[in-house]
C-alpha atoms as a PDB file:
ATOM      1  CA  MET A   1     115.027 110.985-163.184  1.00  0.00           C
ATOM      2  CA  PRO A   2     117.528 108.519-164.672  1.00  0.00           C
ATOM      3  CA  LEU A   3     116.366 109.507-168.154  1.00  0.00           C
ATOM      4  CA  LYS A   4     116.895 113.196-167.354  1.00  0.00           C
ATOM      5  CA  LYS A   5     120.406 112.498-166.073  1.00  0.00           C
ATOM      6  CA  ASP A   6     121.200 110.524-169.221  1.00  0.00           C
ATOM      7  CA  LEU A   7     119.942 113.371-171.396  1.00  0.00           C
ATOM      8  CA  ASN A   8     122.034 115.919-169.452  1.00  0.00           C
ATOM      9  CA  LEU A   9     125.090 113.701-169.809  1.00  0.00           C
ATOM     10  CA  LEU A  10     124.399 113.312-173.520  1.00  0.00           C
ATOM     11  CA  ASP A  11     124.098 117.086-173.936  1.00  0.00           C
ATOM     12  CA  LYS A  12     127.366 117.583-172.041  1.00  0.00           C
ATOM     13  CA  ASN A  13     129.225 114.993-174.104  1.00  0.00           C
ATOM     14  CA  HIS A  14     127.757 116.427-177.286  1.00  0.00           C
ATOM     15  CA  SER A  15     128.936 119.908-176.303  1.00  0.00           C
ATOM     16  CA  MET A  16     132.455 118.647-175.580  1.00  0.00           C
ATOM     17  CA  TYR A  17     132.447 116.673-178.817  1.00  0.00           C
ATOM     18  CA  MET A  18     131.489 119.767-180.826  1.00  0.00           C
ATOM     19  CA  LYS A  19     134.256 121.785-179.144  1.00  0.00           C
ATOM     20  CA  TYR A  20     136.797 119.187-180.279  1.00  0.00           C
ATOM     21  CA  ILE A  21     135.337 119.310-183.795  1.00  0.00           C
ATOM     22  CA  TYR A  22     135.575 123.118-183.888  1.00  0.00           C
ATOM     23  CA  LEU A  23     139.163 123.007-182.539  1.00  0.00           C
ATOM     24  CA  LEU A  24     140.147 120.426-185.127  1.00  0.00           C
ATOM     25  CA  LEU A  25     138.560 122.438-187.925  1.00  0.00           C
ATOM     26  CA  PHE A  26     140.296 125.608-186.704  1.00  0.00           C
ATOM     27  CA  THR A  27     143.666 123.856-186.559  1.00  0.00           C
ATOM     28  CA  CYS A  28     143.251 122.336-190.013  1.00  0.00           C
ATOM     29  CA  THR A  29     142.089 125.646-191.467  1.00  0.00           C
ATOM     30  CA  THR A  30     145.002 127.512-189.882  1.00  0.00           C
ATOM     31  CA  PHE A  31     147.462 124.908-191.182  1.00  0.00           C
ATOM     32  CA  PHE A  32     145.931 125.120-194.664  1.00  0.00           C
ATOM     33  CA  VAL A  33     146.083 128.924-194.703  1.00  0.00           C
ATOM     34  CA  ASN A  34     149.703 128.916-193.472  1.00  0.00           C
ATOM     35  CA  ALA A  35     150.605 126.290-196.074  1.00  0.00           C
ATOM     36  CA  GLN A  36     148.978 128.410-198.780  1.00  0.00           C
ATOM     37  CA  ASP A  37     150.827 131.518-197.562  1.00  0.00           C
ATOM     38  CA  LEU A  38     154.159 129.653-197.442  1.00  0.00           C
ATOM     39  CA  SER A  39     153.622 128.317-200.935  1.00  0.00           C
ATOM     40  CA  GLU A  40     153.022 131.807-202.306  1.00  0.00           C
ATOM     41  CA  ILE A  41     156.079 133.253-200.532  1.00  0.00           C
ATOM     42  CA  TYR A  42     158.213 130.371-201.785  1.00  0.00           C
ATOM     43  CA  LYS A  43     157.215 131.050-205.390  1.00  0.00           C
ATOM     44  CA  LYS A  44     158.200 134.679-204.946  1.00  0.00           C
ATOM     45  CA  VAL A  45     161.611 134.292-203.272  1.00  0.00           C
ATOM     46  CA  SER A  46     162.971 130.907-204.409  1.00  0.00           C
ATOM     47  CA  PRO A  47     164.284 132.197-207.800  1.00  0.00           C
ATOM     48  CA  ALA A  48     166.749 134.364-205.810  1.00  0.00           C
ATOM     49  CA  VAL A  49     168.365 131.300-204.208  1.00  0.00           C
ATOM     50  CA  VAL A  50     171.411 129.834-205.973  1.00  0.00           C
ATOM     51  CA  ILE A  51     173.730 126.833-205.739  1.00  0.00           C
ATOM     52  CA  ILE A  52     177.444 127.568-205.256  1.00  0.00           C
ATOM     53  CA  PHE A  53     180.144 125.167-206.472  1.00  0.00           C
ATOM     54  CA  THR A  54     183.768 125.695-205.411  1.00  0.00           C
ATOM     55  CA  SER A  55     187.191 124.180-206.065  1.00  0.00           C
ATOM     56  CA  GLU A  56     190.037 124.695-203.620  1.00  0.00           C
ATOM     57  CA  LYS A  57     193.467 123.281-202.842  1.00  0.00           C
ATOM     58  CA  GLU A  58     193.734 121.163-199.716  1.00  0.00           C
ATOM     59  CA  VAL A  59     196.780 119.761-197.934  1.00  0.00           C
ATOM     60  CA  VAL A  60     196.124 116.268-196.581  1.00  0.00           C
ATOM     61  CA  SER A  61     198.178 113.719-194.689  1.00  0.00           C
ATOM     62  CA  SER A  62     199.463 110.719-196.591  1.00  0.00           C
ATOM     63  CA  GLU A  63     201.325 107.585-195.528  1.00  0.00           C
ATOM     64  CA  ILE A  64     203.269 107.653-198.795  1.00  0.00           C
ATOM     65  CA  SER A  65     204.157 111.348-198.852  1.00  0.00           C
ATOM     66  CA  LYS A  66     204.126 114.009-196.128  1.00  0.00           C
ATOM     67  CA  THR A  67     203.037 116.583-198.689  1.00  0.00           C
ATOM     68  CA  ASN A  68     199.895 115.858-200.663  1.00  0.00           C
ATOM     69  CA  VAL A  69     197.961 118.728-202.230  1.00  0.00           C
ATOM     70  CA  VAL A  70     194.606 117.758-203.718  1.00  0.00           C
ATOM     71  CA  THR A  71     191.703 119.649-205.277  1.00  0.00           C
ATOM     72  CA  LYS A  72     188.608 119.618-203.116  1.00  0.00           C
ATOM     73  CA  GLU A  73     185.161 120.298-204.554  1.00  0.00           C
ATOM     74  CA  GLY A  74     182.693 122.217-202.383  1.00  0.00           C
ATOM     75  CA  LEU A  75     178.948 122.798-202.391  1.00  0.00           C
ATOM     76  CA  GLY A  76     176.796 125.459-200.783  1.00  0.00           C
ATOM     77  CA  SER A  77     173.881 127.838-201.242  1.00  0.00           C
ATOM     78  CA  GLY A  78     173.466 131.590-201.456  1.00  0.00           C
ATOM     79  CA  PHE A  79     170.998 134.316-202.381  1.00  0.00           C
ATOM     80  CA  MET A  80     171.013 137.373-204.614  1.00  0.00           C
ATOM     81  CA  ILE A  81     170.780 140.871-203.151  1.00  0.00           C
ATOM     82  CA  SER A  82     171.576 142.678-206.424  1.00  0.00           C
ATOM     83  CA  ASP A  83     172.251 141.812-210.069  1.00  0.00           C
ATOM     84  CA  ARG A  84     175.881 140.874-209.210  1.00  0.00           C
ATOM     85  CA  LEU A  85     176.110 140.374-205.451  1.00  0.00           C
ATOM     86  CA  ILE A  86     175.347 137.148-203.590  1.00  0.00           C
ATOM     87  CA  VAL A  87     175.447 136.465-199.853  1.00  0.00           C
ATOM     88  CA  THR A  88     176.599 133.072-198.568  1.00  0.00           C
ATOM     89  CA  ALA A  89     178.404 131.481-195.608  1.00  0.00           C
ATOM     90  CA  ALA A  90     182.127 132.181-195.127  1.00  0.00           C
ATOM     91  CA  HIS A  91     183.007 128.499-194.790  1.00  0.00           C
ATOM     92  CA  VAL A  92     181.500 127.825-198.244  1.00  0.00           C
ATOM     93  CA  VAL A  93     184.113 130.123-199.849  1.00  0.00           C
ATOM     94  CA  THR A  94     187.113 129.917-197.480  1.00  0.00           C
ATOM     95  CA  VAL A  95     189.938 129.772-200.048  1.00  0.00           C
ATOM     96  CA  PRO A  96     188.324 128.949-203.403  1.00  0.00           C
ATOM     97  CA  GLU A  97     190.453 128.851-206.541  1.00  0.00           C
ATOM     98  CA  LYS A  98     187.221 128.734-208.513  1.00  0.00           C
ATOM     99  CA  ILE A  99     183.568 129.641-207.798  1.00  0.00           C
ATOM    100  CA  SER A 100     180.623 128.830-210.075  1.00  0.00           C
ATOM    101  CA  VAL A 101     177.079 129.989-209.334  1.00  0.00           C
ATOM    102  CA  LEU A 102     174.176 127.943-210.700  1.00  0.00           C
ATOM    103  CA  PHE A 103     170.812 129.688-211.085  1.00  0.00           C
ATOM    104  CA  PRO A 104     167.381 127.995-211.089  1.00  0.00           C
ATOM    105  CA  ASP A 105     167.040 128.475-214.872  1.00  0.00           C
ATOM    106  CA  GLY A 106     170.334 126.648-215.507  1.00  0.00           C
ATOM    107  CA  ASP A 107     172.499 129.735-216.078  1.00  0.00           C
ATOM    108  CA  VAL A 108     176.032 129.397-214.639  1.00  0.00           C
ATOM    109  CA  ILE A 109     178.183 132.457-213.857  1.00  0.00           C
ATOM    110  CA  PRO A 110     181.687 132.480-212.323  1.00  0.00           C
ATOM    111  CA  ALA A 111     182.202 134.596-209.195  1.00  0.00           C
ATOM    112  CA  THR A 112     184.869 135.846-206.818  1.00  0.00           C
ATOM    113  CA  VAL A 113     184.896 136.648-203.106  1.00  0.00           C
ATOM    114  CA  VAL A 114     184.467 140.315-202.146  1.00  0.00           C
ATOM    115  CA  SER A 115     184.549 140.064-198.340  1.00  0.00           C
ATOM    116  CA  SER A 116     184.390 137.332-195.731  1.00  0.00           C
ATOM    117  CA  TYR A 117     184.006 137.174-191.942  1.00  0.00           C
ATOM    118  CA  LYS A 118     185.055 133.820-190.524  1.00  0.00           C
ATOM    119  CA  SER A 119     183.684 134.117-186.985  1.00  0.00           C
ATOM    120  CA  ALA A 120     180.300 135.410-188.170  1.00  0.00           C
ATOM    121  CA  ASP A 121     180.333 132.832-191.009  1.00  0.00           C
ATOM    122  CA  ILE A 122     179.090 135.252-193.656  1.00  0.00           C
ATOM    123  CA  ALA A 123     180.578 136.256-197.002  1.00  0.00           C
ATOM    124  CA  LEU A 124     179.808 138.347-200.057  1.00  0.00           C
ATOM    125  CA  ILE A 125     180.668 137.150-203.561  1.00  0.00           C
ATOM    126  CA  LYS A 126     180.444 139.010-206.870  1.00  0.00           C
ATOM    127  CA  LEU A 127     179.459 137.607-210.254  1.00  0.00           C
ATOM    128  CA  PHE A 128     181.808 138.147-213.205  1.00  0.00           C
ATOM    129  CA  ARG A 129     178.859 139.551-215.145  1.00  0.00           C
ATOM    130  CA  PRO A 130     175.454 140.932-214.122  1.00  0.00           C
ATOM    131  CA  ARG A 131     172.514 138.565-213.967  1.00  0.00           C
ATOM    132  CA  ILE A 132     169.835 139.539-216.522  1.00  0.00           C
ATOM    133  CA  ASN A 133     166.436 140.244-214.926  1.00  0.00           C
ATOM    134  CA  PRO A 134     167.574 139.110-211.475  1.00  0.00           C
ATOM    135  CA  VAL A 135     165.232 138.103-208.686  1.00  0.00           C
ATOM    136  CA  THR A 136     166.589 139.550-205.458  1.00  0.00           C
ATOM    137  CA  VAL A 137     165.605 139.373-201.804  1.00  0.00           C
ATOM    138  CA  ALA A 138     166.007 141.887-198.984  1.00  0.00           C
ATOM    139  CA  PHE A 139     167.257 141.644-195.418  1.00  0.00           C
ATOM    140  CA  GLY A 140     164.669 141.762-192.629  1.00  0.00           C
ATOM    141  CA  ASP A 141     165.176 142.782-189.004  1.00  0.00           C
ATOM    142  CA  SER A 142     166.561 139.736-187.185  1.00  0.00           C
ATOM    143  CA  ASP A 143     166.318 141.573-183.850  1.00  0.00           C
ATOM    144  CA  ALA A 144     162.526 141.458-184.230  1.00  0.00           C
ATOM    145  CA  LEU A 145     162.508 137.649-184.230  1.00  0.00           C
ATOM    146  CA  GLU A 146     160.997 135.888-181.239  1.00  0.00           C
ATOM    147  CA  VAL A 147     161.410 132.338-180.001  1.00  0.00           C
ATOM    148  CA  GLY A 148     158.494 130.317-181.346  1.00  0.00           C
ATOM    149  CA  GLU A 149     158.202 132.371-184.530  1.00  0.00           C
ATOM    150  CA  ARG A 150     157.848 130.379-187.702  1.00  0.00           C
ATOM    151  CA  ILE A 151     160.609 130.552-190.346  1.00  0.00           C
ATOM    152  CA  PHE A 152     161.607 128.630-193.442  1.00  0.00           C
ATOM    153  CA  VAL A 153     164.877 127.823-195.206  1.00  0.00           C
ATOM    154  CA  ILE A 154     165.580 127.435-198.917  1.00  0.00           C
ATOM    155  CA  GLY A 155     168.804 125.876-200.134  1.00  0.00           C
ATOM    156  CA  ALA A 156     170.445 122.966-201.900  1.00  0.00           C
ATOM    157  CA  PRO A 157     170.793 120.077-199.420  1.00  0.00           C
ATOM    158  CA  TYR A 158     172.964 117.427-201.098  1.00  0.00           C
ATOM    159  CA  GLY A 159     172.741 119.486-204.288  1.00  0.00           C
ATOM    160  CA  GLN A 160     168.940 119.393-204.505  1.00  0.00           C
ATOM    161  CA  GLY A 161     168.211 122.964-205.576  1.00  0.00           C
ATOM    162  CA  ALA A 162     165.379 125.167-204.280  1.00  0.00           C
ATOM    163  CA  SER A 163     164.554 122.725-201.464  1.00  0.00           C
ATOM    164  CA  LEU A 164     162.342 124.119-198.690  1.00  0.00           C
ATOM    165  CA  SER A 165     162.251 123.181-195.014  1.00  0.00           C
ATOM    166  CA  SER A 166     160.266 124.982-192.341  1.00  0.00           C
ATOM    167  CA  GLY A 167     160.356 125.189-188.588  1.00  0.00           C
ATOM    168  CA  TYR A 168     160.520 127.601-185.698  1.00  0.00           C
ATOM    169  CA  VAL A 169     163.009 129.877-184.002  1.00  0.00           C
ATOM    170  CA  SER A 170     164.122 127.868-180.981  1.00  0.00           C
ATOM    171  CA  GLY A 171     166.678 130.334-179.622  1.00  0.00           C
ATOM    172  CA  ILE A 172     168.822 133.414-180.270  1.00  0.00           C
ATOM    173  CA  ARG A 173     172.536 133.085-179.455  1.00  0.00           C
ATOM    174  CA  LYS A 174     174.722 136.190-179.184  1.00  0.00           C
ATOM    175  CA  ASP A 175     178.367 136.248-178.087  1.00  0.00           C
ATOM    176  CA  GLN A 176     178.842 139.578-176.356  1.00  0.00           C
ATOM    177  CA  SER A 177     181.702 138.512-174.097  1.00  0.00           C
ATOM    178  CA  SER A 178     184.576 138.875-176.572  1.00  0.00           C
ATOM    179  CA  LYS A 179     186.407 142.194-176.864  1.00  0.00           C
ATOM    180  CA  ASN A 180     188.090 141.028-180.063  1.00  0.00           C
ATOM    181  CA  PRO A 181     186.650 143.167-182.925  1.00  0.00           C
ATOM    182  CA  PHE A 182     187.347 140.321-185.362  1.00  0.00           C
ATOM    183  CA  ILE A 183     185.005 137.992-183.461  1.00  0.00           C
ATOM    184  CA  ASN A 184     181.360 138.664-184.313  1.00  0.00           C
ATOM    185  CA  ARG A 185     178.815 135.985-183.487  1.00  0.00           C
ATOM    186  CA  GLU A 186     175.015 136.188-183.602  1.00  0.00           C
ATOM    187  CA  PHE A 187     173.115 133.027-184.436  1.00  0.00           C
ATOM    188  CA  ILE A 188     169.481 132.012-184.751  1.00  0.00           C
ATOM    189  CA  GLN A 189     168.783 128.490-183.512  1.00  0.00           C
ATOM    190  CA  THR A 190     166.103 126.545-185.359  1.00  0.00           C
ATOM    191  CA  ASP A 191     164.536 123.106-185.747  1.00  0.00           C
ATOM    192  CA  ALA A 192     164.107 123.567-189.521  1.00  0.00           C
ATOM    193  CA  ALA A 193     165.914 120.735-191.327  1.00  0.00           C
ATOM    194  CA  ILE A 194     169.427 121.719-192.465  1.00  0.00           C
ATOM    195  CA  ASN A 195     171.834 119.378-194.272  1.00  0.00           C
ATOM    196  CA  HIS A 196     175.037 119.428-196.361  1.00  0.00           C
ATOM    197  CA  GLY A 197     174.584 121.952-199.176  1.00  0.00           C
ATOM    198  CA  ASN A 198     172.205 124.191-197.198  1.00  0.00           C
ATOM    199  CA  SER A 199     175.110 126.294-195.881  1.00  0.00           C
ATOM    200  CA  GLY A 200     174.898 129.908-197.019  1.00  0.00           C
ATOM    201  CA  GLY A 201     171.229 129.665-197.950  1.00  0.00           C
ATOM    202  CA  PRO A 202     168.649 132.157-196.677  1.00  0.00           C
ATOM    203  CA  MET A 203     166.373 131.784-193.673  1.00  0.00           C
ATOM    204  CA  PHE A 204     163.128 133.695-194.266  1.00  0.00           C
ATOM    205  CA  ASN A 205     160.405 135.062-192.022  1.00  0.00           C
ATOM    206  CA  LEU A 206     156.796 134.820-193.202  1.00  0.00           C
ATOM    207  CA  LYS A 207     157.098 138.233-194.875  1.00  0.00           C
ATOM    208  CA  GLY A 208     159.616 136.780-197.314  1.00  0.00           C
ATOM    209  CA  GLU A 209     162.502 138.740-195.751  1.00  0.00           C
ATOM    210  CA  VAL A 210     165.921 137.188-195.105  1.00  0.00           C
ATOM    211  CA  VAL A 211     166.498 137.042-191.350  1.00  0.00           C
ATOM    212  CA  GLY A 212     169.402 134.583-191.320  1.00  0.00           C
ATOM    213  CA  ILE A 213     172.175 132.940-193.337  1.00  0.00           C
ATOM    214  CA  VAL A 214     172.389 129.184-192.750  1.00  0.00           C
ATOM    215  CA  SER A 215     175.643 128.331-190.996  1.00  0.00           C
ATOM    216  CA  SER A 216     175.861 124.958-189.265  1.00  0.00           C
ATOM    217  CA  ILE A 217     174.155 122.116-187.425  1.00  0.00           C
ATOM    218  CA  ALA A 218     174.730 120.478-184.065  1.00  0.00           C
ATOM    219  CA  THR A 219     174.997 116.781-184.863  1.00  0.00           C
ATOM    220  CA  GLN A 220     176.162 113.479-183.450  1.00  0.00           C
ATOM    221  CA  SER A 221     174.960 111.364-186.374  1.00  0.00           C
ATOM    222  CA  GLY A 222     176.561 113.459-189.120  1.00  0.00           C
ATOM    223  CA  GLY A 223     173.116 114.457-190.415  1.00  0.00           C
ATOM    224  CA  PHE A 224     170.487 116.832-189.112  1.00  0.00           C
ATOM    225  CA  ASP A 225     169.587 116.058-185.477  1.00  0.00           C
ATOM    226  CA  GLY A 226     167.087 118.862-184.888  1.00  0.00           C
ATOM    227  CA  ILE A 227     169.334 121.838-184.069  1.00  0.00           C
ATOM    228  CA  GLY A 228     170.575 124.201-186.763  1.00  0.00           C
ATOM    229  CA  TYR A 229     172.111 127.668-186.709  1.00  0.00           C
ATOM    230  CA  ALA A 230     171.934 130.694-188.997  1.00  0.00           C
ATOM    231  CA  SER A 231     173.927 133.934-188.753  1.00  0.00           C
ATOM    232  CA  THR A 232     171.636 136.912-188.203  1.00  0.00           C
ATOM    233  CA  SER A 233     170.681 139.221-191.053  1.00  0.00           C
ATOM    234  CA  ASN A 234     171.415 142.339-189.003  1.00  0.00           C
ATOM    235  CA  LEU A 235     175.022 141.280-188.432  1.00  0.00           C
ATOM    236  CA  ALA A 236     175.377 140.337-192.110  1.00  0.00           C
ATOM    237  CA  ALA A 237     174.025 143.721-193.220  1.00  0.00           C
ATOM    238  CA  LYS A 238     176.382 145.550-190.868  1.00  0.00           C
ATOM    239  CA  LEU A 239     179.533 143.674-191.835  1.00  0.00           C
ATOM    240  CA  LEU A 240     178.959 143.098-195.543  1.00  0.00           C
ATOM    241  CA  MET A 241     177.230 146.372-196.438  1.00  0.00           C
ATOM    242  CA  ASN A 242     178.953 148.819-194.077  1.00  0.00           C
ATOM    243  CA  ASP A 243     182.405 147.617-192.993  1.00  0.00           C
ATOM    244  CA  LYS A 244     183.360 146.021-196.329  1.00  0.00           C
ATOM    245  CA  MET A 245     186.660 144.552-195.165  1.00  0.00           C
ATOM    246  CA  PRO A 246     188.302 143.210-198.357  1.00  0.00           C
ATOM    247  CA  TRP A 247     188.971 139.525-198.795  1.00  0.00           C
ATOM    248  CA  LEU A 248     192.704 138.873-198.604  1.00  0.00           C
ATOM    249  CA  GLY A 249     192.431 135.334-199.921  1.00  0.00           C
ATOM    250  CA  ALA A 250     193.979 133.268-197.163  1.00  0.00           C
ATOM    251  CA  ASP A 251     193.032 130.783-194.498  1.00  0.00           C
ATOM    252  CA  MET A 252     194.875 131.954-191.381  1.00  0.00           C
ATOM    253  CA  HIS A 253     195.266 130.653-187.842  1.00  0.00           C
ATOM    254  CA  THR A 254     195.960 132.941-184.874  1.00  0.00           C
ATOM    255  CA  LEU A 255     199.068 131.695-183.104  1.00  0.00           C
ATOM    256  CA  SER A 256     199.046 131.737-179.318  1.00  0.00           C
ATOM    257  CA  THR A 257     202.139 132.611-177.286  1.00  0.00           C
ATOM    258  CA  LYS A 258     202.773 128.886-176.747  1.00  0.00           C
ATOM    259  CA  GLU A 259     202.545 128.157-180.462  1.00  0.00           C
ATOM    260  CA  CYS A 260     204.814 131.094-181.314  1.00  0.00           C
ATOM    261  CA  LYS A 261     207.468 129.689-178.978  1.00  0.00           C
ATOM    262  CA  LEU A 262     207.161 126.237-180.563  1.00  0.00           C
ATOM    263  CA  LEU A 263     207.667 127.764-184.030  1.00  0.00           C
ATOM    264  CA  ASN A 264     210.418 130.184-182.910  1.00  0.00           C
ATOM    265  CA  VAL A 265     208.365 133.209-183.946  1.00  0.00           C
ATOM    266  CA  PRO A 266     210.078 136.440-182.767  1.00  0.00           C
ATOM    267  CA  GLN A 267     206.983 137.847-181.044  1.00  0.00           C
ATOM    268  CA  ALA A 268     204.235 136.676-178.705  1.00  0.00           C
ATOM    269  CA  ASN A 269     201.406 136.416-181.267  1.00  0.00           C
ATOM    270  CA  ALA A 270     201.131 136.169-185.026  1.00  0.00           C
ATOM    271  CA  LEU A 271     199.033 134.822-187.914  1.00  0.00           C
ATOM    272  CA  LEU A 272     199.956 131.508-189.528  1.00  0.00           C
ATOM    273  CA  VAL A 273     199.087 131.452-193.239  1.00  0.00           C
ATOM    274  CA  GLN A 274     197.809 127.962-194.030  1.00  0.00           C
ATOM    275  CA  ARG A 275     196.355 128.259-197.549  1.00  0.00           C
ATOM    276  CA  VAL A 276     196.387 131.071-200.118  1.00  0.00           C
ATOM    277  CA  VAL A 277     194.356 131.631-203.291  1.00  0.00           C
ATOM    278  CA  ASP A 278     196.743 132.440-206.160  1.00  0.00           C
ATOM    279  CA  SER A 279     194.506 135.153-207.675  1.00  0.00           C
ATOM    280  CA  SER A 280     193.807 136.928-204.351  1.00  0.00           C
ATOM    281  CA  ILE A 281     195.464 139.986-202.780  1.00  0.00           C
ATOM    282  CA  PHE A 282     197.799 137.803-200.700  1.00  0.00           C
ATOM    283  CA  GLY A 283     198.477 135.549-203.687  1.00  0.00           C
ATOM    284  CA  GLU A 284     199.491 138.514-205.832  1.00  0.00           C
ATOM    285  CA  MET A 285     201.802 139.722-203.042  1.00  0.00           C
ATOM    286  CA  GLY A 286     203.642 136.401-203.036  1.00  0.00           C
ATOM    287  CA  ILE A 287     202.529 135.290-199.595  1.00  0.00           C
ATOM    288  CA  LYS A 288     202.919 131.528-199.259  1.00  0.00           C
ATOM    289  CA  GLY A 289     200.695 128.925-197.667  1.00  0.00           C
ATOM    290  CA  GLY A 290     201.795 125.798-195.832  1.00  0.00           C
ATOM    291  CA  HIS A 291     202.568 122.278-197.009  1.00  0.00           C
ATOM    292  CA  THR A 292     202.690 119.988-193.958  1.00  0.00           C
ATOM    293  CA  GLU A 293     199.689 118.995-191.855  1.00  0.00           C
ATOM    294  CA  VAL A 294     200.338 118.563-188.133  1.00  0.00           C
ATOM    295  CA  VAL A 295     198.303 118.313-184.933  1.00  0.00           C
ATOM    296  CA  ILE A 296     199.042 120.720-182.066  1.00  0.00           C
ATOM    297  CA  ASP A 297     196.885 120.500-178.928  1.00  0.00           C
ATOM    298  CA  ASN A 298     194.330 118.360-180.815  1.00  0.00           C
ATOM    299  CA  GLN A 299     194.016 120.969-183.576  1.00  0.00           C
ATOM    300  CA  LYS A 300     194.997 120.339-187.185  1.00  0.00           C
ATOM    301  CA  LEU A 301     197.280 123.002-188.637  1.00  0.00           C
ATOM    302  CA  ILE A 302     199.167 123.369-191.910  1.00  0.00           C
ATOM    303  CA  LEU A 303     202.775 124.433-191.314  1.00  0.00           C
ATOM    304  CA  GLY A 304     205.456 125.683-193.663  1.00  0.00           C
ATOM    305  CA  GLY A 305     203.716 128.848-194.801  1.00  0.00           C
ATOM    306  CA  ASP A 306     204.455 132.480-194.012  1.00  0.00           C
ATOM    307  CA  ILE A 307     203.795 133.846-190.534  1.00  0.00           C
ATOM    308  CA  ILE A 308     202.387 137.377-190.472  1.00  0.00           C
ATOM    309  CA  LEU A 309     203.873 139.633-187.814  1.00  0.00           C
ATOM    310  CA  GLY A 310     202.053 142.861-188.689  1.00  0.00           C
ATOM    311  CA  PHE A 311     200.451 145.192-191.207  1.00  0.00           C
ATOM    312  CA  ASN A 312     202.044 148.573-192.039  1.00  0.00           C
ATOM    313  CA  ASP A 313     203.443 149.742-188.706  1.00  0.00           C
ATOM    314  CA  LEU A 314     200.943 147.715-186.635  1.00  0.00           C
ATOM    315  CA  ILE A 315     202.334 144.671-184.820  1.00  0.00           C
ATOM    316  CA  PHE A 316     199.872 141.790-184.415  1.00  0.00           C
ATOM    317  CA  GLU A 317     199.150 141.392-180.688  1.00  0.00           C
ATOM    318  CA  LEU A 318     196.239 139.764-178.876  1.00  0.00           C
ATOM    319  CA  ASN A 319     195.235 142.765-176.802  1.00  0.00           C
ATOM    320  CA  GLU A 320     192.226 145.044-177.166  1.00  0.00           C
ATOM    321  CA  ALA A 321     194.125 148.167-178.238  1.00  0.00           C
ATOM    322  CA  SER A 322     196.134 146.393-180.944  1.00  0.00           C
ATOM    323  CA  LEU A 323     193.155 144.454-182.302  1.00  0.00           C
ATOM    324  CA  ASN A 324     191.007 147.598-182.505  1.00  0.00           C
ATOM    325  CA  LYS A 325     193.738 149.369-184.506  1.00  0.00           C
ATOM    326  CA  LEU A 326     194.028 146.400-186.856  1.00  0.00           C
ATOM    327  CA  ALA A 327     190.243 146.269-187.267  1.00  0.00           C
ATOM    328  CA  ALA A 328     190.126 149.981-188.129  1.00  0.00           C
ATOM    329  CA  PHE A 329     192.935 149.446-190.643  1.00  0.00           C
ATOM    330  CA  ALA A 330     191.170 146.454-192.236  1.00  0.00           C
ATOM    331  CA  ASN A 331     187.795 148.193-192.501  1.00  0.00           C
ATOM    332  CA  ASN A 332     189.316 151.232-194.188  1.00  0.00           C
ATOM    333  CA  MET A 333     191.456 149.469-196.788  1.00  0.00           C
ATOM    334  CA  GLY A 334     189.030 150.252-199.628  1.00  0.00           C
ATOM    335  CA  ASP A 335     188.623 148.550-202.998  1.00  0.00           C
ATOM    336  CA  HIS A 336     192.238 149.131-204.095  1.00  0.00           C
ATOM    337  CA  PRO A 337     194.266 148.850-200.884  1.00  0.00           C
ATOM    338  CA  LYS A 338     197.927 149.817-200.576  1.00  0.00           C
ATOM    339  CA  PHE A 339     199.725 148.368-197.569  1.00  0.00           C
ATOM    340  CA  THR A 340     202.713 146.379-196.377  1.00  0.00           C
ATOM    341  CA  VAL A 341     202.830 143.029-194.597  1.00  0.00           C
ATOM    342  CA  THR A 342     205.696 141.989-192.347  1.00  0.00           C
ATOM    343  CA  ILE A 343     206.232 138.225-192.462  1.00  0.00           C
ATOM    344  CA  TYR A 344     208.493 135.615-190.892  1.00  0.00           C
ATOM    345  CA  ARG A 345     209.767 133.132-193.496  1.00  0.00           C
ATOM    346  CA  ASP A 346     212.564 130.564-193.152  1.00  0.00           C
ATOM    347  CA  GLY A 347     213.955 132.310-190.087  1.00  0.00           C
ATOM    348  CA  LYS A 348     214.009 135.744-191.747  1.00  0.00           C
ATOM    349  CA  ILE A 349     211.807 138.827-191.371  1.00  0.00           C
ATOM    350  CA  LEU A 350     210.629 140.195-194.731  1.00  0.00           C
ATOM    351  CA  THR A 351     208.353 143.016-195.851  1.00  0.00           C
ATOM    352  CA  LEU A 352     205.971 142.566-198.787  1.00  0.00           C
ATOM    353  CA  LYS A 353     204.035 145.392-200.462  1.00  0.00           C
ATOM    354  CA  HIS A 354     200.654 145.600-202.148  1.00  0.00           C
ATOM    355  CA  GLN A 355     200.585 148.573-204.526  1.00  0.00           C
END
């Protein structure tokens, strides 16, 4: 009897042992297959990913001089959707005086901003000349993503081009509370490693479709702490391909009623122009940026620039009706817009025209 019990126990342990072996083999095989699949997709889509270098003017505080304008160099990523168009993050190309796009084969082509949406953190830039034999990628359906789905990111962290990191969708964040048509936020949360230089790069599903545009990280260390965010492809397709609001070429801050009173602005709300690109629409109109950095309610602002009161006959107000009219105006400006801007400068109200 003891021998029989020992044999039964041995059979049972052997059965359990074999189950572990089969599970381990299945896991390893699955990992190997996924790795092989990811490698093949990477080879196909990575040539479409580019590195974006920017130069922009920045006003900084100085103990020696209150006004100190320096040139700041920027770095980001992007991806080609046609032979001349590249999608990136809005904060990569906020107010660039110069944009250079570096391709995997070493080709460098200058570019300019076509449209940009600050709250959604997405932008469209256009090359000065078409890319010969371009490799392009297409948008996928970001609404089809599910938490737990595997994704991967390609970009240029710290300038290291065509770098891949993979992970999973850990959440979908949509801001549907705002009635402001200029605020559009839809973000994919992920644990895929994202670092400086990744911004604007594509997030892919395992079909090789772009489902997100890398935006930001949540960090306490300054590096990647395990939570990253990408703007959704569906929102990018809607705003960049359909609305096509032109890039005016300025970094602007919405002034609250309190801030308008502090600055003696003759209306309850307005737009403070902080920085302007000389070659942009606003730059050509003669709109001026600021020159003095201050802190108001723990927020850094650049004062001394023009304050926009309205466009055409539309006064800038922070109410739903006014904002919807301004959004309709902005989205219907076209490629060669003609409009007027009412500004407040040095205590005077002026009207500037773009013909």
